[in-house]
């Protein structure tokens, strides 16, 4: 994979982040859809040359919190690490940053409602 950025949409790493309603407190179920829409807009620009974000509610607990795809094909965490390595990013640091940002967005969102 060459580093010609931005990549076409079918070559971008899709990061699916499923957010549980409980993260938003006792009435999180009332707000989870709106929060995910809010967070989706905030994440859209992060790594947009090679990443596409999908911030969605986690209604099905059997699905993982984080999932990765390229060209609509699921890839493993190890494969996602190799993908990010092309861009000199480490998966662990990437996920930590993503979770930190999510925590900040939850606080920001809860301060608005």
PDB file of N, CA and C in Angstrom:
ATOM      1  N   UNK A   1       0.860  -1.173   0.000  1.00  0.00           N
ATOM      2  CA  UNK A   1       0.000   0.000   0.000  1.00  0.00           C
ATOM      3  C   UNK A   1       0.904   1.232   0.000  1.00  0.00           C
ATOM      4  N   UNK A   2       0.675   2.092  -0.943  1.00  0.00           N
ATOM      5  CA  UNK A   2       1.447   3.332  -1.007  1.00  0.00           C
ATOM      6  C   UNK A   2       0.836   4.366  -0.076  1.00  0.00           C
ATOM      7  N   UNK A   3       1.632   5.347   0.251  1.00  0.00           N
ATOM      8  CA  UNK A   3       1.153   6.388   1.151  1.00  0.00           C
ATOM      9  C   UNK A   3       0.606   7.601   0.399  1.00  0.00           C
ATOM     10  N   UNK A   4       0.054   7.397  -0.777  1.00  0.00           N
ATOM     11  CA  UNK A   4      -0.573   8.494  -1.510  1.00  0.00           C
ATOM     12  C   UNK A   4      -1.893   8.816  -0.827  1.00  0.00           C
ATOM     13  N   UNK A   5      -1.930   9.952  -0.171  1.00  0.00           N
ATOM     14  CA  UNK A   5      -3.106  10.322   0.610  1.00  0.00           C
ATOM     15  C   UNK A   5      -3.841  11.476  -0.043  1.00  0.00           C
ATOM     16  N   UNK A   6      -5.114  11.590   0.098  1.00  0.00           N
ATOM     17  CA  UNK A   6      -5.996  10.654   0.779  1.00  0.00           C
ATOM     18  C   UNK A   6      -6.245   9.401  -0.067  1.00  0.00           C
ATOM     19  N   UNK A   7      -6.504   8.313   0.637  1.00  0.00           N
ATOM     20  CA  UNK A   7      -6.804   7.056  -0.024  1.00  0.00           C
ATOM     21  C   UNK A   7      -8.235   7.060  -0.545  1.00  0.00           C
ATOM     22  N   UNK A   8      -8.502   6.282  -1.581  1.00  0.00           N
ATOM     23  CA  UNK A   8      -9.895   6.119  -2.011  1.00  0.00           C
ATOM     24  C   UNK A   8     -10.686   5.431  -0.889  1.00  0.00           C
ATOM     25  N   UNK A   9     -11.964   5.652  -0.845  1.00  0.00           N
ATOM     26  CA  UNK A   9     -12.813   5.134   0.242  1.00  0.00           C
ATOM     27  C   UNK A   9     -12.683   3.628   0.423  1.00  0.00           C
ATOM     28  N   UNK A  10     -12.545   2.881  -0.662  1.00  0.00           N
ATOM     29  CA  UNK A  10     -12.484   1.426  -0.540  1.00  0.00           C
ATOM     30  C   UNK A  10     -11.149   0.916   0.000  1.00  0.00           C
ATOM     31  N   UNK A  11     -10.170   1.785   0.145  1.00  0.00           N
ATOM     32  CA  UNK A  11      -8.864   1.405   0.683  1.00  0.00           C
ATOM     33  C   UNK A  11      -8.675   1.874   2.130  1.00  0.00           C
ATOM     34  N   UNK A  12      -9.602   2.680   2.617  1.00  0.00           N
ATOM     35  CA  UNK A  12      -9.480   3.210   3.976  1.00  0.00           C
ATOM     36  C   UNK A  12      -9.829   2.152   5.009  1.00  0.00           C
ATOM     37  N   UNK A  13      -9.196   2.282   6.160  1.00  0.00           N
ATOM     38  CA  UNK A  13      -9.514   1.436   7.303  1.00  0.00           C
ATOM     39  C   UNK A  13     -10.805   1.975   7.916  1.00  0.00           C
ATOM     40  N   UNK A  14     -11.806   1.117   7.983  1.00  0.00           N
ATOM     41  CA  UNK A  14     -13.062   1.491   8.632  1.00  0.00           C
ATOM     42  C   UNK A  14     -12.961   1.044  10.081  1.00  0.00           C
ATOM     43  N   UNK A  15     -13.110   1.991  10.989  1.00  0.00           N
ATOM     44  CA  UNK A  15     -13.067   1.706  12.418  1.00  0.00           C
ATOM     45  C   UNK A  15     -14.492   1.815  12.942  1.00  0.00           C
ATOM     46  N   UNK A  16     -15.037   0.672  13.324  1.00  0.00           N
ATOM     47  CA  UNK A  16     -16.385   0.636  13.888  1.00  0.00           C
ATOM     48  C   UNK A  16     -16.224   0.678  15.405  1.00  0.00           C
ATOM     49  N   UNK A  17     -16.791   1.700  16.000  1.00  0.00           N
ATOM     50  CA  UNK A  17     -16.752   1.858  17.453  1.00  0.00           C
ATOM     51  C   UNK A  17     -18.193   1.796  17.948  1.00  0.00           C
ATOM     52  N   UNK A  18     -18.479   0.765  18.715  1.00  0.00           N
ATOM     53  CA  UNK A  18     -19.823   0.588  19.258  1.00  0.00           C
ATOM     54  C   UNK A  18     -19.844   1.125  20.691  1.00  0.00           C
ATOM     55  N   UNK A  19     -20.760   2.045  20.945  1.00  0.00           N
ATOM     56  CA  UNK A  19     -20.841   2.728  22.236  1.00  0.00           C
ATOM     57  C   UNK A  19     -22.065   2.213  22.988  1.00  0.00           C
ATOM     58  N   UNK A  20     -21.835   1.808  24.230  1.00  0.00           N
ATOM     59  CA  UNK A  20     -22.941   1.321  25.056  1.00  0.00           C
ATOM     60  C   UNK A  20     -23.692   2.492  25.680  1.00  0.00           C
ATOM     61  N   UNK A  21     -25.006   2.370  25.732  1.00  0.00           N
ATOM     62  CA  UNK A  21     -25.850   3.428  26.284  1.00  0.00           C
ATOM     63  C   UNK A  21     -25.466   3.762  27.722  1.00  0.00           C
ATOM     64  N   UNK A  22     -25.028   2.771  28.485  1.00  0.00           N
ATOM     65  CA  UNK A  22     -24.658   2.983  29.877  1.00  0.00           C
ATOM     66  C   UNK A  22     -23.531   3.987  30.062  1.00  0.00           C
ATOM     67  N   UNK A  23     -22.735   4.208  29.019  1.00  0.00           N
ATOM     68  CA  UNK A  23     -21.657   5.205  29.094  1.00  0.00           C
ATOM     69  C   UNK A  23     -22.221   6.610  29.303  1.00  0.00           C
ATOM     70  N   UNK A  24     -23.487   6.779  28.964  1.00  0.00           N
ATOM     71  CA  UNK A  24     -24.121   8.094  29.066  1.00  0.00           C
ATOM     72  C   UNK A  24     -24.978   8.218  30.318  1.00  0.00           C
ATOM     73  N   UNK A  25     -24.819   7.296  31.254  1.00  0.00           N
ATOM     74  CA  UNK A  25     -25.550   7.369  32.507  1.00  0.00           C
ATOM     75  C   UNK A  25     -26.843   6.570  32.487  1.00  0.00           C
ATOM     76  N   UNK A  26     -27.620   6.766  33.525  1.00  0.00           N
ATOM     77  CA  UNK A  26     -28.846   5.986  33.721  1.00  0.00           C
ATOM     78  C   UNK A  26     -29.854   6.147  32.591  1.00  0.00           C
ATOM     79  N   UNK A  27     -29.899   7.306  31.989  1.00  0.00           N
ATOM     80  CA  UNK A  27     -30.842   7.545  30.889  1.00  0.00           C
ATOM     81  C   UNK A  27     -30.135   7.507  29.533  1.00  0.00           C
ATOM     82  N   UNK A  28     -29.028   6.787  29.482  1.00  0.00           N
ATOM     83  CA  UNK A  28     -28.241   6.715  28.264  1.00  0.00           C
ATOM     84  C   UNK A  28     -29.010   6.201  27.068  1.00  0.00           C
ATOM     85  N   UNK A  29     -29.936   5.289  27.307  1.00  0.00           N
ATOM     86  CA  UNK A  29     -30.748   4.761  26.213  1.00  0.00           C
ATOM     87  C   UNK A  29     -31.529   5.838  25.482  1.00  0.00           C
ATOM     88  N   UNK A  30     -31.882   6.902  26.199  1.00  0.00           N
ATOM     89  CA  UNK A  30     -32.617   8.018  25.595  1.00  0.00           C
ATOM     90  C   UNK A  30     -31.718   8.886  24.712  1.00  0.00           C
ATOM     91  N   UNK A  31     -30.410   8.765  24.898  1.00  0.00           N
ATOM     92  CA  UNK A  31     -29.489   9.684  24.240  1.00  0.00           C
ATOM     93  C   UNK A  31     -28.472   9.026  23.308  1.00  0.00           C
ATOM     94  N   UNK A  32     -28.396   7.702  23.310  1.00  0.00           N
ATOM     95  CA  UNK A  32     -27.311   7.035  22.608  1.00  0.00           C
ATOM     96  C   UNK A  32     -27.294   7.322  21.107  1.00  0.00           C
ATOM     97  N   UNK A  33     -28.429   7.348  20.475  1.00  0.00           N
ATOM     98  CA  UNK A  33     -28.467   7.621  19.025  1.00  0.00           C
ATOM     99  C   UNK A  33     -27.953   9.029  18.731  1.00  0.00           C
ATOM    100  N   UNK A  34     -28.430  10.004  19.489  1.00  0.00           N
ATOM    101  CA  UNK A  34     -27.998  11.391  19.287  1.00  0.00           C
ATOM    102  C   UNK A  34     -26.519  11.541  19.605  1.00  0.00           C
ATOM    103  N   UNK A  35     -26.056  10.865  20.657  1.00  0.00           N
ATOM    104  CA  UNK A  35     -24.640  10.948  20.987  1.00  0.00           C
ATOM    105  C   UNK A  35     -23.778  10.370  19.867  1.00  0.00           C
ATOM    106  N   UNK A  36     -24.159   9.229  19.334  1.00  0.00           N
ATOM    107  CA  UNK A  36     -23.367   8.614  18.260  1.00  0.00           C
ATOM    108  C   UNK A  36     -23.325   9.524  17.032  1.00  0.00           C
ATOM    109  N   UNK A  37     -24.406  10.173  16.724  1.00  0.00           N
ATOM    110  CA  UNK A  37     -24.434  11.127  15.614  1.00  0.00           C
ATOM    111  C   UNK A  37     -23.467  12.293  15.903  1.00  0.00           C
ATOM    112  N   UNK A  38     -23.513  12.811  17.122  1.00  0.00           N
ATOM    113  CA  UNK A  38     -22.622  13.882  17.550  1.00  0.00           C
ATOM    114  C   UNK A  38     -21.163  13.427  17.460  1.00  0.00           C
ATOM    115  N   UNK A  39     -20.854  12.254  18.008  1.00  0.00           N
ATOM    116  CA  UNK A  39     -19.483  11.738  18.003  1.00  0.00           C
ATOM    117  C   UNK A  39     -19.006  11.460  16.581  1.00  0.00           C
ATOM    118  N   UNK A  40     -19.878  10.970  15.732  1.00  0.00           N
ATOM    119  CA  UNK A  40     -19.511  10.687  14.337  1.00  0.00           C
ATOM    120  C   UNK A  40     -18.987  11.947  13.660  1.00  0.00           C
ATOM    121  N   UNK A  41     -19.652  13.059  13.882  1.00  0.00           N
ATOM    122  CA  UNK A  41     -19.208  14.329  13.293  1.00  0.00           C
ATOM    123  C   UNK A  41     -17.850  14.746  13.850  1.00  0.00           C
ATOM    124  N   UNK A  42     -17.636  14.523  15.137  1.00  0.00           N
ATOM    125  CA  UNK A  42     -16.374  14.912  15.781  1.00  0.00           C
ATOM    126  C   UNK A  42     -15.203  14.039  15.318  1.00  0.00           C
ATOM    127  N   UNK A  43     -15.468  12.787  15.044  1.00  0.00           N
ATOM    128  CA  UNK A  43     -14.418  11.867  14.610  1.00  0.00           C
ATOM    129  C   UNK A  43     -14.124  11.968  13.118  1.00  0.00           C
ATOM    130  N   UNK A  44     -15.044  12.486  12.343  1.00  0.00           N
ATOM    131  CA  UNK A  44     -14.938  12.451  10.880  1.00  0.00           C
ATOM    132  C   UNK A  44     -13.592  12.930  10.345  1.00  0.00           C
ATOM    133  N   UNK A  45     -13.017  13.949  10.932  1.00  0.00           N
ATOM    134  CA  UNK A  45     -11.770  14.514  10.416  1.00  0.00           C
ATOM    135  C   UNK A  45     -10.519  13.780  10.908  1.00  0.00           C
ATOM    136  N   UNK A  46     -10.649  12.950  11.939  1.00  0.00           N
ATOM    137  CA  UNK A  46      -9.480  12.265  12.498  1.00  0.00           C
ATOM    138  C   UNK A  46      -8.959  11.201  11.536  1.00  0.00           C
ATOM    139  N   UNK A  47      -7.785  11.417  11.024  1.00  0.00           N
ATOM    140  CA  UNK A  47      -7.179  10.454  10.111  1.00  0.00           C
ATOM    141  C   UNK A  47      -7.960  10.240   8.840  1.00  0.00           C
ATOM    142  N   UNK A  48      -8.715  11.235   8.435  1.00  0.00           N
ATOM    143  CA  UNK A  48      -9.641  11.068   7.316  1.00  0.00           C
ATOM    144  C   UNK A  48      -8.975  10.721   5.991  1.00  0.00           C
ATOM    145  N   UNK A  49      -7.656  10.882   5.907  1.00  0.00           N
ATOM    146  CA  UNK A  49      -6.962  10.496   4.680  1.00  0.00           C
ATOM    147  C   UNK A  49      -6.888   8.982   4.521  1.00  0.00           C
ATOM    148  N   UNK A  50      -6.957   8.257   5.642  1.00  0.00           N
ATOM    149  CA  UNK A  50      -6.816   6.808   5.548  1.00  0.00           C
ATOM    150  C   UNK A  50      -7.757   6.030   6.478  1.00  0.00           C
ATOM    151  N   UNK A  51      -8.617   6.763   7.211  1.00  0.00           N
ATOM    152  CA  UNK A  51      -9.568   6.120   8.130  1.00  0.00           C
ATOM    153  C   UNK A  51     -10.965   6.660   7.883  1.00  0.00           C
ATOM    154  N   UNK A  52     -11.932   5.765   8.010  1.00  0.00           N
ATOM    155  CA  UNK A  52     -13.343   6.158   8.002  1.00  0.00           C
ATOM    156  C   UNK A  52     -13.957   5.602   9.281  1.00  0.00           C
ATOM    157  N   UNK A  53     -14.609   6.441  10.022  1.00  0.00           N
ATOM    158  CA  UNK A  53     -15.172   6.087  11.324  1.00  0.00           C
ATOM    159  C   UNK A  53     -16.649   5.728  11.211  1.00  0.00           C
ATOM    160  N   UNK A  54     -17.062   4.780  12.015  1.00  0.00           N
ATOM    161  CA  UNK A  54     -18.478   4.462  12.189  1.00  0.00           C
ATOM    162  C   UNK A  54     -18.717   4.370  13.693  1.00  0.00           C
ATOM    163  N   UNK A  55     -19.295   5.411  14.255  1.00  0.00           N
ATOM    164  CA  UNK A  55     -19.616   5.449  15.680  1.00  0.00           C
ATOM    165  C   UNK A  55     -21.095   5.087  15.796  1.00  0.00           C
ATOM    166  N   UNK A  56     -21.365   3.934  16.387  1.00  0.00           N
ATOM    167  CA  UNK A  56     -22.728   3.416  16.419  1.00  0.00           C
ATOM    168  C   UNK A  56     -23.071   2.906  17.813  1.00  0.00           C
ATOM    169  N   UNK A  57     -24.377   2.850  18.146  1.00  0.00           N
ATOM    170  CA  UNK A  57     -24.775   2.283  19.436  1.00  0.00           C
ATOM    171  C   UNK A  57     -24.460   0.785  19.480  1.00  0.00           C
ATOM    172  N   UNK A  58     -24.142   0.301  20.649  1.00  0.00           N
ATOM    173  CA  UNK A  58     -23.890  -1.131  20.814  1.00  0.00           C
ATOM    174  C   UNK A  58     -25.143  -1.769  21.413  1.00  0.00           C
ATOM    175  N   UNK A  59     -26.090  -2.085  20.542  1.00  0.00           N
ATOM    176  CA  UNK A  59     -27.333  -2.715  20.987  1.00  0.00           C
ATOM    177  C   UNK A  59     -27.148  -4.216  21.186  1.00  0.00           C
ATOM    178  N   UNK A  60     -26.256  -4.807  20.429  1.00  0.00           N
ATOM    179  CA  UNK A  60     -26.016  -6.243  20.477  1.00  0.00           C
ATOM    180  C   UNK A  60     -24.703  -6.498  21.214  1.00  0.00           C
ATOM    181  N   UNK A  61     -24.792  -6.995  22.436  1.00  0.00           N
ATOM    182  CA  UNK A  61     -23.606  -7.205  23.276  1.00  0.00           C
ATOM    183  C   UNK A  61     -22.697  -8.307  22.733  1.00  0.00           C
ATOM    184  N   UNK A  62     -23.184  -9.084  21.782  1.00  0.00           N
ATOM    185  CA  UNK A  62     -22.338 -10.132  21.213  1.00  0.00           C
ATOM    186  C   UNK A  62     -21.349  -9.560  20.195  1.00  0.00           C
ATOM    187  N   UNK A  63     -21.580  -8.338  19.753  1.00  0.00           N
ATOM    188  CA  UNK A  63     -20.661  -7.687  18.816  1.00  0.00           C
ATOM    189  C   UNK A  63     -19.554  -6.993  19.588  1.00  0.00           C
ATOM    190  N   UNK A  64     -18.347  -6.981  19.044  1.00  0.00           N
ATOM    191  CA  UNK A  64     -17.235  -6.332  19.751  1.00  0.00           C
ATOM    192  C   UNK A  64     -17.399  -4.814  19.807  1.00  0.00           C
ATOM    193  N   UNK A  65     -16.760  -4.209  20.814  1.00  0.00           N
ATOM    194  CA  UNK A  65     -16.795  -2.747  20.922  1.00  0.00           C
ATOM    195  C   UNK A  65     -16.098  -2.096  19.737  1.00  0.00           C
ATOM    196  N   UNK A  66     -14.996  -2.703  19.321  1.00  0.00           N
ATOM    197  CA  UNK A  66     -14.223  -2.161  18.193  1.00  0.00           C
ATOM    198  C   UNK A  66     -14.113  -3.248  17.136  1.00  0.00           C
ATOM    199  N   UNK A  67     -14.233  -2.806  15.898  1.00  0.00           N
ATOM    200  CA  UNK A  67     -14.105  -3.735  14.783  1.00  0.00           C
ATOM    201  C   UNK A  67     -13.467  -2.981  13.628  1.00  0.00           C
ATOM    202  N   UNK A  68     -12.725  -3.704  12.815  1.00  0.00           N
ATOM    203  CA  UNK A  68     -12.016  -3.084  11.700  1.00  0.00           C
ATOM    204  C   UNK A  68     -12.417  -3.758  10.398  1.00  0.00           C
ATOM    205  N   UNK A  69     -12.480  -2.926   9.338  1.00  0.00           N
ATOM    206  CA  UNK A  69     -12.786  -3.434   7.996  1.00  0.00           C
ATOM    207  C   UNK A  69     -11.975  -2.656   6.971  1.00  0.00           C
ATOM    208  N   UNK A  70     -11.742  -3.296   5.867  1.00  0.00           N
ATOM    209  CA  UNK A  70     -11.213  -2.632   4.681  1.00  0.00           C
ATOM    210  C   UNK A  70     -12.015  -3.165   3.511  1.00  0.00           C
ATOM    211  N   UNK A  71     -12.553  -2.263   2.726  1.00  0.00           N
ATOM    212  CA  UNK A  71     -13.350  -2.642   1.550  1.00  0.00           C
ATOM    213  C   UNK A  71     -14.463  -3.621   1.926  1.00  0.00           C
ATOM    214  N   UNK A  72     -15.169  -3.314   3.003  1.00  0.00           N
ATOM    215  CA  UNK A  72     -16.305  -4.087   3.518  1.00  0.00           C
ATOM    216  C   UNK A  72     -15.931  -5.480   4.006  1.00  0.00           C
ATOM    217  N   UNK A  73     -14.639  -5.775   4.132  1.00  0.00           N
ATOM    218  CA  UNK A  73     -14.194  -7.074   4.633  1.00  0.00           C
ATOM    219  C   UNK A  73     -13.624  -6.892   6.040  1.00  0.00           C
ATOM    220  N   UNK A  74     -14.144  -7.672   6.997  1.00  0.00           N
ATOM    221  CA  UNK A  74     -13.633  -7.609   8.363  1.00  0.00           C
ATOM    222  C   UNK A  74     -12.173  -8.038   8.371  1.00  0.00           C
ATOM    223  N   UNK A  75     -11.388  -7.329   9.178  1.00  0.00           N
ATOM    224  CA  UNK A  75      -9.994  -7.724   9.364  1.00  0.00           C
ATOM    225  C   UNK A  75      -9.720  -7.864  10.853  1.00  0.00           C
ATOM    226  N   UNK A  76      -8.719  -8.639  11.175  1.00  0.00           N
ATOM    227  CA  UNK A  76      -8.373  -8.873  12.581  1.00  0.00           C
ATOM    228  C   UNK A  76      -7.670  -7.646  13.162  1.00  0.00           C
ATOM    229  N   UNK A  77      -7.526  -7.670  14.462  1.00  0.00           N
ATOM    230  CA  UNK A  77      -6.810  -6.596  15.156  1.00  0.00           C
ATOM    231  C   UNK A  77      -5.353  -6.565  14.686  1.00  0.00           C
ATOM    232  N   UNK A  78      -4.747  -7.741  14.484  1.00  0.00           N
ATOM    233  CA  UNK A  78      -3.365  -7.807  13.985  1.00  0.00           C
ATOM    234  C   UNK A  78      -3.247  -7.202  12.594  1.00  0.00           C
ATOM    235  N   UNK A  79      -4.221  -7.477  11.743  1.00  0.00           N
ATOM    236  CA  UNK A  79      -4.206  -6.898  10.398  1.00  0.00           C
ATOM    237  C   UNK A  79      -4.384  -5.386  10.462  1.00  0.00           C
ATOM    238  N   UNK A  80      -5.235  -4.913  11.381  1.00  0.00           N
ATOM    239  CA  UNK A  80      -5.417  -3.467  11.547  1.00  0.00           C
ATOM    240  C   UNK A  80      -4.116  -2.828  12.020  1.00  0.00           C
ATOM    241  N   UNK A  81      -3.378  -3.524  12.894  1.00  0.00           N
ATOM    242  CA  UNK A  81      -2.091  -3.009  13.371  1.00  0.00           C
ATOM    243  C   UNK A  81      -1.115  -2.871  12.204  1.00  0.00           C
ATOM    244  N   UNK A  82      -1.087  -3.843  11.319  1.00  0.00           N
ATOM    245  CA  UNK A  82      -0.204  -3.783  10.147  1.00  0.00           C
ATOM    246  C   UNK A  82      -0.612  -2.646   9.220  1.00  0.00           C
ATOM    247  N   UNK A  83      -1.904  -2.469   9.046  1.00  0.00           N
ATOM    248  CA  UNK A  83      -2.415  -1.380   8.218  1.00  0.00           C
ATOM    249  C   UNK A  83      -1.938  -0.042   8.775  1.00  0.00           C
ATOM    250  N   UNK A  84      -2.148   0.176  10.064  1.00  0.00           N
ATOM    251  CA  UNK A  84      -1.761   1.445  10.689  1.00  0.00           C
ATOM    252  C   UNK A  84      -0.250   1.652  10.682  1.00  0.00           C
ATOM    253  N   UNK A  85       0.492   0.564  10.754  1.00  0.00           N
ATOM    254  CA  UNK A  85       1.947   0.649  10.735  1.00  0.00           C
ATOM    255  C   UNK A  85       2.450   1.311   9.447  1.00  0.00           C
ATOM    256  N   UNK A  86       1.732   1.115   8.358  1.00  0.00           N
ATOM    257  CA  UNK A  86       2.091   1.766   7.088  1.00  0.00           C
ATOM    258  C   UNK A  86       2.119   3.281   7.266  1.00  0.00           C
ATOM    259  N   UNK A  87       1.261   3.792   8.134  1.00  0.00           N
ATOM    260  CA  UNK A  87       1.162   5.230   8.391  1.00  0.00           C
ATOM    261  C   UNK A  87       1.911   5.634   9.662  1.00  0.00           C
ATOM    262  N   UNK A  88       2.776   4.728  10.107  1.00  0.00           N
ATOM    263  CA  UNK A  88       3.619   4.967  11.286  1.00  0.00           C
ATOM    264  C   UNK A  88       2.793   5.211  12.547  1.00  0.00           C
ATOM    265  N   UNK A  89       1.692   4.477  12.652  1.00  0.00           N
ATOM    266  CA  UNK A  89       0.825   4.541  13.831  1.00  0.00           C
ATOM    267  C   UNK A  89       0.831   3.180  14.505  1.00  0.00           C
ATOM    268  N   UNK A  90       0.787   3.185  15.824  1.00  0.00           N
ATOM    269  CA  UNK A  90       0.712   1.950  16.597  1.00  0.00           C
ATOM    270  C   UNK A  90      -0.730   1.754  17.044  1.00  0.00           C
ATOM    271  N   UNK A  91      -1.235   0.549  16.843  1.00  0.00           N
ATOM    272  CA  UNK A  91      -2.636   0.274  17.139  1.00  0.00           C
ATOM    273  C   UNK A  91      -2.998   0.589  18.587  1.00  0.00           C
ATOM    274  N   UNK A  92      -2.168   0.179  19.544  1.00  0.00           N
ATOM    275  CA  UNK A  92      -2.467   0.446  20.951  1.00  0.00           C
ATOM    276  C   UNK A  92      -2.606   1.929  21.237  1.00  0.00           C
ATOM    277  N   UNK A  93      -1.681   2.723  20.726  1.00  0.00           N
ATOM    278  CA  UNK A  93      -1.742   4.178  20.922  1.00  0.00           C
ATOM    279  C   UNK A  93      -2.953   4.763  20.203  1.00  0.00           C
ATOM    280  N   UNK A  94      -3.236   4.240  19.017  1.00  0.00           N
ATOM    281  CA  UNK A  94      -4.390   4.680  18.232  1.00  0.00           C
ATOM    282  C   UNK A  94      -5.682   4.437  19.030  1.00  0.00           C
ATOM    283  N   UNK A  95      -5.815   3.218  19.577  1.00  0.00           N
ATOM    284  CA  UNK A  95      -7.018   2.886  20.343  1.00  0.00           C
ATOM    285  C   UNK A  95      -7.096   3.704  21.631  1.00  0.00           C
ATOM    286  N   UNK A  96      -5.976   3.905  22.300  1.00  0.00           N
ATOM    287  CA  UNK A  96      -5.972   4.736  23.517  1.00  0.00           C
ATOM    288  C   UNK A  96      -6.436   6.149  23.208  1.00  0.00           C
ATOM    289  N   UNK A  97      -5.913   6.724  22.134  1.00  0.00           N
ATOM    290  CA  UNK A  97      -6.307   8.078  21.738  1.00  0.00           C
ATOM    291  C   UNK A  97      -7.797   8.117  21.407  1.00  0.00           C
ATOM    292  N   UNK A  98      -8.279   7.085  20.714  1.00  0.00           N
ATOM    293  CA  UNK A  98      -9.688   7.033  20.345  1.00  0.00           C
ATOM    294  C   UNK A  98     -10.566   6.969  21.585  1.00  0.00           C
ATOM    295  N   UNK A  99     -10.171   6.156  22.574  1.00  0.00           N
ATOM    296  CA  UNK A  99     -10.966   6.049  23.799  1.00  0.00           C
ATOM    297  C   UNK A  99     -10.908   7.333  24.625  1.00  0.00           C
ATOM    298  N   UNK A 100      -9.745   7.975  24.672  1.00  0.00           N
ATOM    299  CA  UNK A 100      -9.633   9.255  25.375  1.00  0.00           C
ATOM    300  C   UNK A 100     -10.555  10.292  24.748  1.00  0.00           C
ATOM    301  N   UNK A 101     -10.546  10.349  23.433  1.00  0.00           N
ATOM    302  CA  UNK A 101     -11.403  11.310  22.726  1.00  0.00           C
ATOM    303  C   UNK A 101     -12.867  10.991  22.994  1.00  0.00           C
ATOM    304  N   UNK A 102     -13.215   9.714  22.974  1.00  0.00           N
ATOM    305  CA  UNK A 102     -14.594   9.316  23.230  1.00  0.00           C
ATOM    306  C   UNK A 102     -15.029   9.745  24.628  1.00  0.00           C
ATOM    307  N   UNK A 103     -14.153   9.543  25.618  1.00  0.00           N
ATOM    308  CA  UNK A 103     -14.468   9.967  26.986  1.00  0.00           C
ATOM    309  C   UNK A 103     -14.705  11.463  27.068  1.00  0.00           C
ATOM    310  N   UNK A 104     -13.864  12.231  26.387  1.00  0.00           N
ATOM    311  CA  UNK A 104     -14.039  13.684  26.354  1.00  0.00           C
ATOM    312  C   UNK A 104     -15.337  14.089  25.685  1.00  0.00           C
ATOM    313  N   UNK A 105     -15.698  13.385  24.606  1.00  0.00           N
ATOM    314  CA  UNK A 105     -16.946  13.696  23.908  1.00  0.00           C
ATOM    315  C   UNK A 105     -18.163  13.358  24.762  1.00  0.00           C
ATOM    316  N   UNK A 106     -18.057  12.278  25.536  1.00  0.00           N
ATOM    317  CA  UNK A 106     -19.166  11.924  26.436  1.00  0.00           C
ATOM    318  C   UNK A 106     -19.367  13.043  27.459  1.00  0.00           C
ATOM    319  N   UNK A 107     -18.280  13.509  28.059  1.00  0.00           N
ATOM    320  CA  UNK A 107     -18.383  14.612  29.022  1.00  0.00           C
ATOM    321  C   UNK A 107     -18.959  15.861  28.364  1.00  0.00           C
ATOM    322  N   UNK A 108     -18.466  16.169  27.169  1.00  0.00           N
ATOM    323  CA  UNK A 108     -18.955  17.345  26.437  1.00  0.00           C
ATOM    324  C   UNK A 108     -20.447  17.207  26.136  1.00  0.00           C
ATOM    325  N   UNK A 109     -20.853  16.052  25.668  1.00  0.00           N
ATOM    326  CA  UNK A 109     -22.251  15.823  25.324  1.00  0.00           C
ATOM    327  C   UNK A 109     -23.144  15.911  26.557  1.00  0.00           C
ATOM    328  N   UNK A 110     -22.723  15.255  27.641  1.00  0.00           N
ATOM    329  CA  UNK A 110     -23.533  15.275  28.859  1.00  0.00           C
ATOM    330  C   UNK A 110     -23.645  16.684  29.440  1.00  0.00           C
ATOM    331  N   UNK A 111     -22.639  17.515  29.216  1.00  0.00           N
ATOM    332  CA  UNK A 111     -22.700  18.904  29.668  1.00  0.00           C
ATOM    333  C   UNK A 111     -23.696  19.743  28.874  1.00  0.00           C
ATOM    334  N   UNK A 112     -24.082  19.253  27.713  1.00  0.00           N
ATOM    335  CA  UNK A 112     -25.018  19.985  26.847  1.00  0.00           C
ATOM    336  C   UNK A 112     -26.473  19.589  27.054  1.00  0.00           C
ATOM    337  N   UNK A 113     -26.699  18.416  27.660  1.00  0.00           N
ATOM    338  CA  UNK A 113     -28.101  17.961  27.774  1.00  0.00           C
ATOM    339  C   UNK A 113     -28.653  18.241  29.157  1.00  0.00           C
TER     340      UNK A 113
END
